């Protein structure tokens, strides 16, 4: 689930239709291969990546939507 406090309804849920099945033999290897570059990125001061098990969350703390978009753009632009 993605929570964006700048949205009127507060959150939006997306269904995941693909990916590696839970507990697959290759799951850990594929996760390391795919996410290694992401987790090594230089991040803007207000951007944090939180990784646990086979999940990754990106957290951007901002008071205004423009500030959030700027931090995202600096990091991943």
Protein backbone atom coordinates (compact mmCIF):
# COMPACT_ATOMS: atom_id res chain seq x y z
CA UNK A 1 0.00 0.00 0.00
CA UNK A 2 1.21 3.49 -0.80
CA UNK A 3 0.37 6.31 1.60
CA UNK A 4 0.50 9.82 0.23
CA UNK A 5 -0.79 12.41 2.66
CA UNK A 6 -1.10 14.93 -0.17
CA UNK A 7 -3.93 12.88 -1.73
CA UNK A 8 -7.49 13.72 -0.72
CA UNK A 9 -8.32 10.13 0.18
CA UNK A 10 -5.02 9.59 2.02
CA UNK A 11 -3.94 6.38 0.36
CA UNK A 12 -4.19 4.30 -2.75
CA UNK A 13 -3.82 0.53 -2.96
CA UNK A 14 -2.26 -1.27 -5.91
CA UNK A 15 -2.58 -4.96 -6.69
CA UNK A 16 0.66 -6.71 -7.59
CA UNK A 17 0.18 -9.05 -10.53
CA UNK A 18 3.72 -10.37 -10.99
CA UNK A 19 6.94 -11.13 -9.23
CA UNK A 20 8.83 -13.93 -7.54
CA UNK A 21 6.67 -16.26 -5.47
CA UNK A 22 7.15 -16.29 -1.71
CA UNK A 23 9.70 -18.84 -0.46
CA UNK A 24 10.99 -19.61 -3.95
CA UNK A 25 14.46 -21.13 -4.21
CA UNK A 26 15.73 -18.21 -6.31
CA UNK A 27 13.86 -15.51 -4.38
CA UNK A 28 16.76 -14.31 -2.24
CA UNK A 29 19.24 -14.34 -5.12
CA UNK A 30 16.89 -12.43 -7.42
CA UNK A 31 16.06 -9.92 -4.67
CA UNK A 32 19.77 -9.26 -4.05
CA UNK A 33 20.47 -8.92 -7.77
CA UNK A 34 17.57 -6.55 -8.47
CA UNK A 35 17.70 -4.37 -5.36
CA UNK A 36 21.47 -4.12 -4.82
CA UNK A 37 21.83 -1.07 -7.10
CA UNK A 38 18.75 0.58 -5.62
CA UNK A 39 19.98 0.21 -2.05
CA UNK A 40 23.41 1.62 -3.00
CA UNK A 41 21.95 4.84 -4.50
CA UNK A 42 23.00 8.18 -3.05
CA UNK A 43 19.83 9.58 -1.55
CA UNK A 44 18.65 13.13 -0.97
CA UNK A 45 18.65 14.12 2.71
CA UNK A 46 14.90 13.59 3.12
CA UNK A 47 14.75 10.24 1.29
CA UNK A 48 15.16 6.96 3.13
CA UNK A 49 14.97 3.40 1.81
CA UNK A 50 13.86 0.78 4.29
CA UNK A 51 14.50 -2.86 3.36
CA UNK A 52 13.36 -5.87 5.34
CA UNK A 53 13.19 -9.49 4.21
CA UNK A 54 11.89 -9.22 0.63
CA UNK A 55 10.29 -5.76 0.85
CA UNK A 56 11.52 -2.23 0.20
CA UNK A 57 9.79 1.00 1.18
CA UNK A 58 10.79 4.52 0.22
CA UNK A 59 10.04 7.24 2.76
CA UNK A 60 10.21 10.94 1.89
CA UNK A 61 9.44 13.41 4.65
CA UNK A 62 8.19 16.75 3.31
CA UNK A 63 5.72 19.45 4.24
CA UNK A 64 4.72 20.22 0.66
CA UNK A 65 4.21 18.12 -2.45
CA UNK A 66 6.79 20.19 -4.38
CA UNK A 67 9.40 19.46 -1.74
CA UNK A 68 8.64 15.73 -1.96
CA UNK A 69 8.85 15.74 -5.76
CA UNK A 70 12.15 17.65 -5.64
CA UNK A 71 13.70 15.15 -3.21
CA UNK A 72 12.52 12.26 -5.39
CA UNK A 73 13.85 13.94 -8.55
CA UNK A 74 17.25 14.62 -7.00
CA UNK A 75 17.53 11.00 -5.92
CA UNK A 76 16.11 9.17 -8.93
CA UNK A 77 15.98 11.91 -11.61
